[in-house]
């Protein structure tokens, strides 16, 4: 037995599938991808990248500011 037709088309625009697929992928990445929060500051000292890491509030920004005042970026 065939299903009854209701008088409307069940097609979607060609871009609708990619939009919903993109949203689905974004949602999965947000929910399932591993994440980590770290505190740090990245500096250029004598042409070498220096990453200063540490707990919140221990003075990373003050250290970076002191290096900037001494001519580093």
PDB file of N, CA and C in Angstrom:
ATOM      1  N   UNK A   1       0.839  -1.179   0.000  1.00  0.00           N
ATOM      2  CA  UNK A   1       0.000   0.000   0.000  1.00  0.00           C
ATOM      3  C   UNK A   1       0.890   1.251   0.000  1.00  0.00           C
ATOM      4  N   UNK A   2       0.632   2.167  -0.908  1.00  0.00           N
ATOM      5  CA  UNK A   2       1.402   3.401  -1.033  1.00  0.00           C
ATOM      6  C   UNK A   2       0.881   4.454  -0.070  1.00  0.00           C
ATOM      7  N   UNK A   3       1.797   5.266   0.491  1.00  0.00           N
ATOM      8  CA  UNK A   3       1.331   6.360   1.362  1.00  0.00           C
ATOM      9  C   UNK A   3       0.568   7.404   0.573  1.00  0.00           C
ATOM     10  N   UNK A   4      -0.375   8.031   1.197  1.00  0.00           N
ATOM     11  CA  UNK A   4      -1.181   9.061   0.562  1.00  0.00           C
ATOM     12  C   UNK A   4      -0.367  10.319   0.349  1.00  0.00           C
ATOM     13  N   UNK A   5      -0.530  10.953  -0.789  1.00  0.00           N
ATOM     14  CA  UNK A   5       0.125  12.228  -1.052  1.00  0.00           C
ATOM     15  C   UNK A   5      -0.719  13.349  -0.466  1.00  0.00           C
ATOM     16  N   UNK A   6      -0.038  14.301   0.138  1.00  0.00           N
ATOM     17  CA  UNK A   6      -0.738  15.389   0.831  1.00  0.00           C
ATOM     18  C   UNK A   6      -0.767  16.685   0.028  1.00  0.00           C
ATOM     19  N   UNK A   7      -0.186  16.717  -1.148  1.00  0.00           N
ATOM     20  CA  UNK A   7      -0.259  17.912  -1.966  1.00  0.00           C
ATOM     21  C   UNK A   7       0.906  18.882  -1.762  1.00  0.00           C
ATOM     22  N   UNK A   8       1.958  18.469  -1.115  1.00  0.00           N
ATOM     23  CA  UNK A   8       3.129  19.324  -0.990  1.00  0.00           C
ATOM     24  C   UNK A   8       4.372  18.502  -1.282  1.00  0.00           C
ATOM     25  N   UNK A   9       5.401  19.215  -1.670  1.00  0.00           N
ATOM     26  CA  UNK A   9       6.661  18.547  -2.021  1.00  0.00           C
ATOM     27  C   UNK A   9       7.525  18.402  -0.778  1.00  0.00           C
ATOM     28  N   UNK A  10       8.231  17.318  -0.701  1.00  0.00           N
ATOM     29  CA  UNK A  10       9.108  17.063   0.446  1.00  0.00           C
ATOM     30  C   UNK A  10      10.562  17.286   0.078  1.00  0.00           C
ATOM     31  N   UNK A  11      10.788  18.237  -0.790  1.00  0.00           N
ATOM     32  CA  UNK A  11      12.170  18.507  -1.167  1.00  0.00           C
ATOM     33  C   UNK A  11      12.673  19.699  -0.370  1.00  0.00           C
ATOM     34  N   UNK A  12      13.980  19.865  -0.339  1.00  0.00           N
ATOM     35  CA  UNK A  12      14.593  20.982   0.364  1.00  0.00           C
ATOM     36  C   UNK A  12      15.560  21.671  -0.574  1.00  0.00           C
ATOM     37  N   UNK A  13      15.871  22.918  -0.315  1.00  0.00           N
ATOM     38  CA  UNK A  13      16.852  23.601  -1.170  1.00  0.00           C
ATOM     39  C   UNK A  13      18.213  22.903  -1.078  1.00  0.00           C
ATOM     40  N   UNK A  14      19.013  22.978  -2.131  1.00  0.00           N
ATOM     41  CA  UNK A  14      20.272  22.243  -2.152  1.00  0.00           C
ATOM     42  C   UNK A  14      21.233  22.642  -1.043  1.00  0.00           C
ATOM     43  N   UNK A  15      21.134  23.871  -0.520  1.00  0.00           N
ATOM     44  CA  UNK A  15      22.059  24.306   0.521  1.00  0.00           C
ATOM     45  C   UNK A  15      21.578  23.923   1.921  1.00  0.00           C
ATOM     46  N   UNK A  16      20.339  23.520   2.076  1.00  0.00           N
ATOM     47  CA  UNK A  16      19.795  23.245   3.407  1.00  0.00           C
ATOM     48  C   UNK A  16      20.530  22.097   4.090  1.00  0.00           C
ATOM     49  N   UNK A  17      20.882  21.076   3.346  1.00  0.00           N
ATOM     50  CA  UNK A  17      21.561  19.932   3.938  1.00  0.00           C
ATOM     51  C   UNK A  17      22.942  20.338   4.465  1.00  0.00           C
ATOM     52  N   UNK A  18      23.675  21.167   3.701  1.00  0.00           N
ATOM     53  CA  UNK A  18      25.002  21.575   4.158  1.00  0.00           C
ATOM     54  C   UNK A  18      24.905  22.491   5.378  1.00  0.00           C
ATOM     55  N   UNK A  19      23.877  23.338   5.434  1.00  0.00           N
ATOM     56  CA  UNK A  19      23.716  24.205   6.600  1.00  0.00           C
ATOM     57  C   UNK A  19      23.436  23.370   7.836  1.00  0.00           C
ATOM     58  N   UNK A  20      22.514  22.432   7.746  1.00  0.00           N
ATOM     59  CA  UNK A  20      22.209  21.616   8.910  1.00  0.00           C
ATOM     60  C   UNK A  20      23.390  20.723   9.259  1.00  0.00           C
ATOM     61  N   UNK A  21      24.120  20.264   8.273  1.00  0.00           N
ATOM     62  CA  UNK A  21      25.300  19.454   8.520  1.00  0.00           C
ATOM     63  C   UNK A  21      26.369  20.276   9.233  1.00  0.00           C
ATOM     64  N   UNK A  22      26.560  21.527   8.811  1.00  0.00           N
ATOM     65  CA  UNK A  22      27.523  22.400   9.470  1.00  0.00           C
ATOM     66  C   UNK A  22      27.137  22.678  10.917  1.00  0.00           C
ATOM     67  N   UNK A  23      25.855  22.920  11.148  1.00  0.00           N
ATOM     68  CA  UNK A  23      25.402  23.158  12.524  1.00  0.00           C
ATOM     69  C   UNK A  23      25.590  21.919  13.380  1.00  0.00           C
ATOM     70  N   UNK A  24      25.290  20.760  12.823  1.00  0.00           N
ATOM     71  CA  UNK A  24      25.446  19.500  13.540  1.00  0.00           C
ATOM     72  C   UNK A  24      26.924  19.266  13.875  1.00  0.00           C
ATOM     73  N   UNK A  25      27.809  19.507  12.930  1.00  0.00           N
ATOM     74  CA  UNK A  25      29.246  19.346  13.164  1.00  0.00           C
ATOM     75  C   UNK A  25      29.720  20.315  14.235  1.00  0.00           C
ATOM     76  N   UNK A  26      29.286  21.565  14.170  1.00  0.00           N
ATOM     77  CA  UNK A  26      29.680  22.562  15.167  1.00  0.00           C
ATOM     78  C   UNK A  26      29.202  22.150  16.553  1.00  0.00           C
ATOM     79  N   UNK A  27      27.977  21.674  16.654  1.00  0.00           N
ATOM     80  CA  UNK A  27      27.438  21.248  17.946  1.00  0.00           C
ATOM     81  C   UNK A  27      28.246  20.085  18.500  1.00  0.00           C
ATOM     82  N   UNK A  28      28.553  19.102  17.642  1.00  0.00           N
ATOM     83  CA  UNK A  28      29.338  17.948  18.084  1.00  0.00           C
ATOM     84  C   UNK A  28      30.724  18.374  18.567  1.00  0.00           C
ATOM     85  N   UNK A  29      31.358  19.288  17.831  1.00  0.00           N
ATOM     86  CA  UNK A  29      32.676  19.762  18.239  1.00  0.00           C
ATOM     87  C   UNK A  29      32.622  20.464  19.594  1.00  0.00           C
ATOM     88  N   UNK A  30      31.588  21.287  19.812  1.00  0.00           N
ATOM     89  CA  UNK A  30      31.462  21.993  21.085  1.00  0.00           C
ATOM     90  C   UNK A  30      31.234  21.024  22.237  1.00  0.00           C
ATOM     91  N   UNK A  31      30.453  19.984  22.019  1.00  0.00           N
ATOM     92  CA  UNK A  31      30.101  19.062  23.094  1.00  0.00           C
ATOM     93  C   UNK A  31      31.139  17.972  23.325  1.00  0.00           C
ATOM     94  N   UNK A  32      31.814  17.511  22.271  1.00  0.00           N
ATOM     95  CA  UNK A  32      32.655  16.332  22.389  1.00  0.00           C
ATOM     96  C   UNK A  32      34.152  16.587  22.293  1.00  0.00           C
ATOM     97  N   UNK A  33      34.551  17.713  21.725  1.00  0.00           N
ATOM     98  CA  UNK A  33      35.983  17.970  21.556  1.00  0.00           C
ATOM     99  C   UNK A  33      36.607  18.320  22.908  1.00  0.00           C
ATOM    100  N   UNK A  34      37.785  17.798  23.171  1.00  0.00           N
ATOM    101  CA  UNK A  34      38.433  18.136  24.438  1.00  0.00           C
ATOM    102  C   UNK A  34      38.849  19.611  24.462  1.00  0.00           C
ATOM    103  N   UNK A  35      38.690  20.229  25.600  1.00  0.00           N
ATOM    104  CA  UNK A  35      39.077  21.626  25.751  1.00  0.00           C
ATOM    105  C   UNK A  35      39.912  21.787  27.019  1.00  0.00           C
ATOM    106  N   UNK A  36      40.691  22.828  27.045  1.00  0.00           N
ATOM    107  CA  UNK A  36      41.489  23.149  28.226  1.00  0.00           C
ATOM    108  C   UNK A  36      41.641  24.658  28.310  1.00  0.00           C
ATOM    109  N   UNK A  37      41.520  25.180  29.499  1.00  0.00           N
ATOM    110  CA  UNK A  37      41.737  26.611  29.730  1.00  0.00           C
ATOM    111  C   UNK A  37      43.077  26.779  30.426  1.00  0.00           C
ATOM    112  N   UNK A  38      43.919  27.627  29.836  1.00  0.00           N
ATOM    113  CA  UNK A  38      45.218  27.893  30.441  1.00  0.00           C
ATOM    114  C   UNK A  38      45.414  29.401  30.511  1.00  0.00           C
ATOM    115  N   UNK A  39      46.202  29.831  31.464  1.00  0.00           N
ATOM    116  CA  UNK A  39      46.524  31.246  31.619  1.00  0.00           C
ATOM    117  C   UNK A  39      47.952  31.446  31.140  1.00  0.00           C
ATOM    118  N   UNK A  40      48.141  32.417  30.257  1.00  0.00           N
ATOM    119  CA  UNK A  40      49.478  32.658  29.759  1.00  0.00           C
ATOM    120  C   UNK A  40      49.572  33.939  28.959  1.00  0.00           C
ATOM    121  N   UNK A  41      50.807  34.287  28.624  1.00  0.00           N
ATOM    122  CA  UNK A  41      51.081  35.456  27.796  1.00  0.00           C
ATOM    123  C   UNK A  41      52.212  35.071  26.840  1.00  0.00           C
ATOM    124  N   UNK A  42      52.083  35.477  25.588  1.00  0.00           N
ATOM    125  CA  UNK A  42      53.082  35.171  24.565  1.00  0.00           C
ATOM    126  C   UNK A  42      53.838  36.445  24.231  1.00  0.00           C
ATOM    127  N   UNK A  43      55.163  36.362  24.251  1.00  0.00           N
ATOM    128  CA  UNK A  43      56.018  37.525  24.015  1.00  0.00           C
ATOM    129  C   UNK A  43      57.065  37.203  22.954  1.00  0.00           C
ATOM    130  N   UNK A  44      57.601  38.266  22.345  1.00  0.00           N
ATOM    131  CA  UNK A  44      58.730  38.161  21.421  1.00  0.00           C
ATOM    132  C   UNK A  44      59.929  38.798  22.124  1.00  0.00           C
ATOM    133  N   UNK A  45      60.871  37.957  22.542  1.00  0.00           N
ATOM    134  CA  UNK A  45      62.053  38.435  23.260  1.00  0.00           C
ATOM    135  C   UNK A  45      63.277  38.074  22.423  1.00  0.00           C
ATOM    136  N   UNK A  46      63.961  39.105  21.919  1.00  0.00           N
ATOM    137  CA  UNK A  46      65.125  38.924  21.046  1.00  0.00           C
ATOM    138  C   UNK A  46      64.807  38.043  19.836  1.00  0.00           C
ATOM    139  N   UNK A  47      63.585  38.173  19.296  1.00  0.00           N
ATOM    140  CA  UNK A  47      63.192  37.417  18.109  1.00  0.00           C
ATOM    141  C   UNK A  47      62.768  35.979  18.374  1.00  0.00           C
ATOM    142  N   UNK A  48      62.671  35.605  19.628  1.00  0.00           N
ATOM    143  CA  UNK A  48      62.257  34.247  19.996  1.00  0.00           C
ATOM    144  C   UNK A  48      60.934  34.337  20.740  1.00  0.00           C
ATOM    145  N   UNK A  49      59.992  33.479  20.391  1.00  0.00           N
ATOM    146  CA  UNK A  49      58.704  33.454  21.076  1.00  0.00           C
ATOM    147  C   UNK A  49      58.840  32.849  22.459  1.00  0.00           C
ATOM    148  N   UNK A  50      58.366  33.561  23.444  1.00  0.00           N
ATOM    149  CA  UNK A  50      58.394  33.105  24.829  1.00  0.00           C
ATOM    150  C   UNK A  50      56.950  33.018  25.327  1.00  0.00           C
ATOM    151  N   UNK A  51      56.568  31.860  25.826  1.00  0.00           N
ATOM    152  CA  UNK A  51      55.234  31.676  26.396  1.00  0.00           C
ATOM    153  C   UNK A  51      55.380  31.529  27.900  1.00  0.00           C
ATOM    154  N   UNK A  52      54.788  32.474  28.621  1.00  0.00           N
ATOM    155  CA  UNK A  52      54.823  32.448  30.080  1.00  0.00           C
ATOM    156  C   UNK A  52      53.484  31.889  30.555  1.00  0.00           C
ATOM    157  N   UNK A  53      53.517  30.746  31.224  1.00  0.00           N
ATOM    158  CA  UNK A  53      52.308  30.097  31.727  1.00  0.00           C
ATOM    159  C   UNK A  53      52.304  30.114  33.239  1.00  0.00           C
ATOM    160  N   UNK A  54      51.135  30.100  33.837  1.00  0.00           N
ATOM    161  CA  UNK A  54      51.031  30.025  35.292  1.00  0.00           C
ATOM    162  C   UNK A  54      49.600  30.216  35.739  1.00  0.00           C
ATOM    163  N   UNK A  55      49.412  30.043  37.014  1.00  0.00           N
ATOM    164  CA  UNK A  55      48.080  30.203  37.594  1.00  0.00           C
ATOM    165  C   UNK A  55      47.629  31.659  37.483  1.00  0.00           C
ATOM    166  N   UNK A  56      46.342  31.838  37.582  1.00  0.00           N
ATOM    167  CA  UNK A  56      45.761  33.167  37.506  1.00  0.00           C
ATOM    168  C   UNK A  56      46.239  34.018  38.671  1.00  0.00           C
ATOM    169  N   UNK A  57      46.656  35.249  38.359  1.00  0.00           N
ATOM    170  CA  UNK A  57      47.005  36.206  39.396  1.00  0.00           C
ATOM    171  C   UNK A  57      48.426  36.135  39.917  1.00  0.00           C
ATOM    172  N   UNK A  58      49.335  35.432  39.245  1.00  0.00           N
ATOM    173  CA  UNK A  58      50.701  35.330  39.775  1.00  0.00           C
ATOM    174  C   UNK A  58      51.666  36.339  39.159  1.00  0.00           C
ATOM    175  N   UNK A  59      51.213  37.154  38.194  1.00  0.00           N
ATOM    176  CA  UNK A  59      52.070  38.216  37.671  1.00  0.00           C
ATOM    177  C   UNK A  59      52.587  38.024  36.262  1.00  0.00           C
ATOM    178  N   UNK A  60      51.936  37.226  35.466  1.00  0.00           N
ATOM    179  CA  UNK A  60      52.379  37.023  34.072  1.00  0.00           C
ATOM    180  C   UNK A  60      52.273  38.314  33.277  1.00  0.00           C
ATOM    181  N   UNK A  61      51.182  39.018  33.450  1.00  0.00           N
ATOM    182  CA  UNK A  61      50.984  40.267  32.693  1.00  0.00           C
ATOM    183  C   UNK A  61      51.975  41.338  33.125  1.00  0.00           C
ATOM    184  N   UNK A  62      52.263  41.409  34.419  1.00  0.00           N
ATOM    185  CA  UNK A  62      53.248  42.377  34.902  1.00  0.00           C
ATOM    186  C   UNK A  62      54.626  42.068  34.340  1.00  0.00           C
ATOM    187  N   UNK A  63      54.963  40.794  34.279  1.00  0.00           N
ATOM    188  CA  UNK A  63      56.241  40.378  33.689  1.00  0.00           C
ATOM    189  C   UNK A  63      56.306  40.781  32.211  1.00  0.00           C
ATOM    190  N   UNK A  64      55.209  40.545  31.485  1.00  0.00           N
ATOM    191  CA  UNK A  64      55.162  40.910  30.069  1.00  0.00           C
ATOM    192  C   UNK A  64      55.271  42.422  29.904  1.00  0.00           C
ATOM    193  N   UNK A  65      54.593  43.169  30.759  1.00  0.00           N
ATOM    194  CA  UNK A  65      54.650  44.628  30.685  1.00  0.00           C
ATOM    195  C   UNK A  65      56.077  45.132  30.940  1.00  0.00           C
ATOM    196  N   UNK A  66      56.756  44.539  31.881  1.00  0.00           N
ATOM    197  CA  UNK A  66      58.137  44.920  32.160  1.00  0.00           C
ATOM    198  C   UNK A  66      59.022  44.650  30.945  1.00  0.00           C
ATOM    199  N   UNK A  67      58.806  43.517  30.279  1.00  0.00           N
ATOM    200  CA  UNK A  67      59.577  43.215  29.066  1.00  0.00           C
ATOM    201  C   UNK A  67      59.266  44.200  27.955  1.00  0.00           C
ATOM    202  N   UNK A  68      58.007  44.619  27.811  1.00  0.00           N
ATOM    203  CA  UNK A  68      57.628  45.618  26.800  1.00  0.00           C
ATOM    204  C   UNK A  68      58.324  46.945  27.110  1.00  0.00           C
ATOM    205  N   UNK A  69      58.342  47.323  28.370  1.00  0.00           N
ATOM    206  CA  UNK A  69      59.011  48.578  28.746  1.00  0.00           C
ATOM    207  C   UNK A  69      60.511  48.524  28.456  1.00  0.00           C
ATOM    208  N   UNK A  70      61.076  47.337  28.381  1.00  0.00           N
ATOM    209  CA  UNK A  70      62.493  47.170  28.069  1.00  0.00           C
ATOM    210  C   UNK A  70      62.742  47.020  26.567  1.00  0.00           C
ATOM    211  N   UNK A  71      61.678  47.175  25.760  1.00  0.00           N
ATOM    212  CA  UNK A  71      61.847  47.189  24.312  1.00  0.00           C
ATOM    213  C   UNK A  71      61.461  45.918  23.583  1.00  0.00           C
ATOM    214  N   UNK A  72      60.937  44.939  24.277  1.00  0.00           N
ATOM    215  CA  UNK A  72      60.512  43.698  23.609  1.00  0.00           C
ATOM    216  C   UNK A  72      59.050  43.827  23.193  1.00  0.00           C
ATOM    217  N   UNK A  73      58.604  42.864  22.391  1.00  0.00           N
ATOM    218  CA  UNK A  73      57.215  42.889  21.934  1.00  0.00           C
ATOM    219  C   UNK A  73      56.440  41.731  22.477  1.00  0.00           C
TER     220      UNK A  73
END
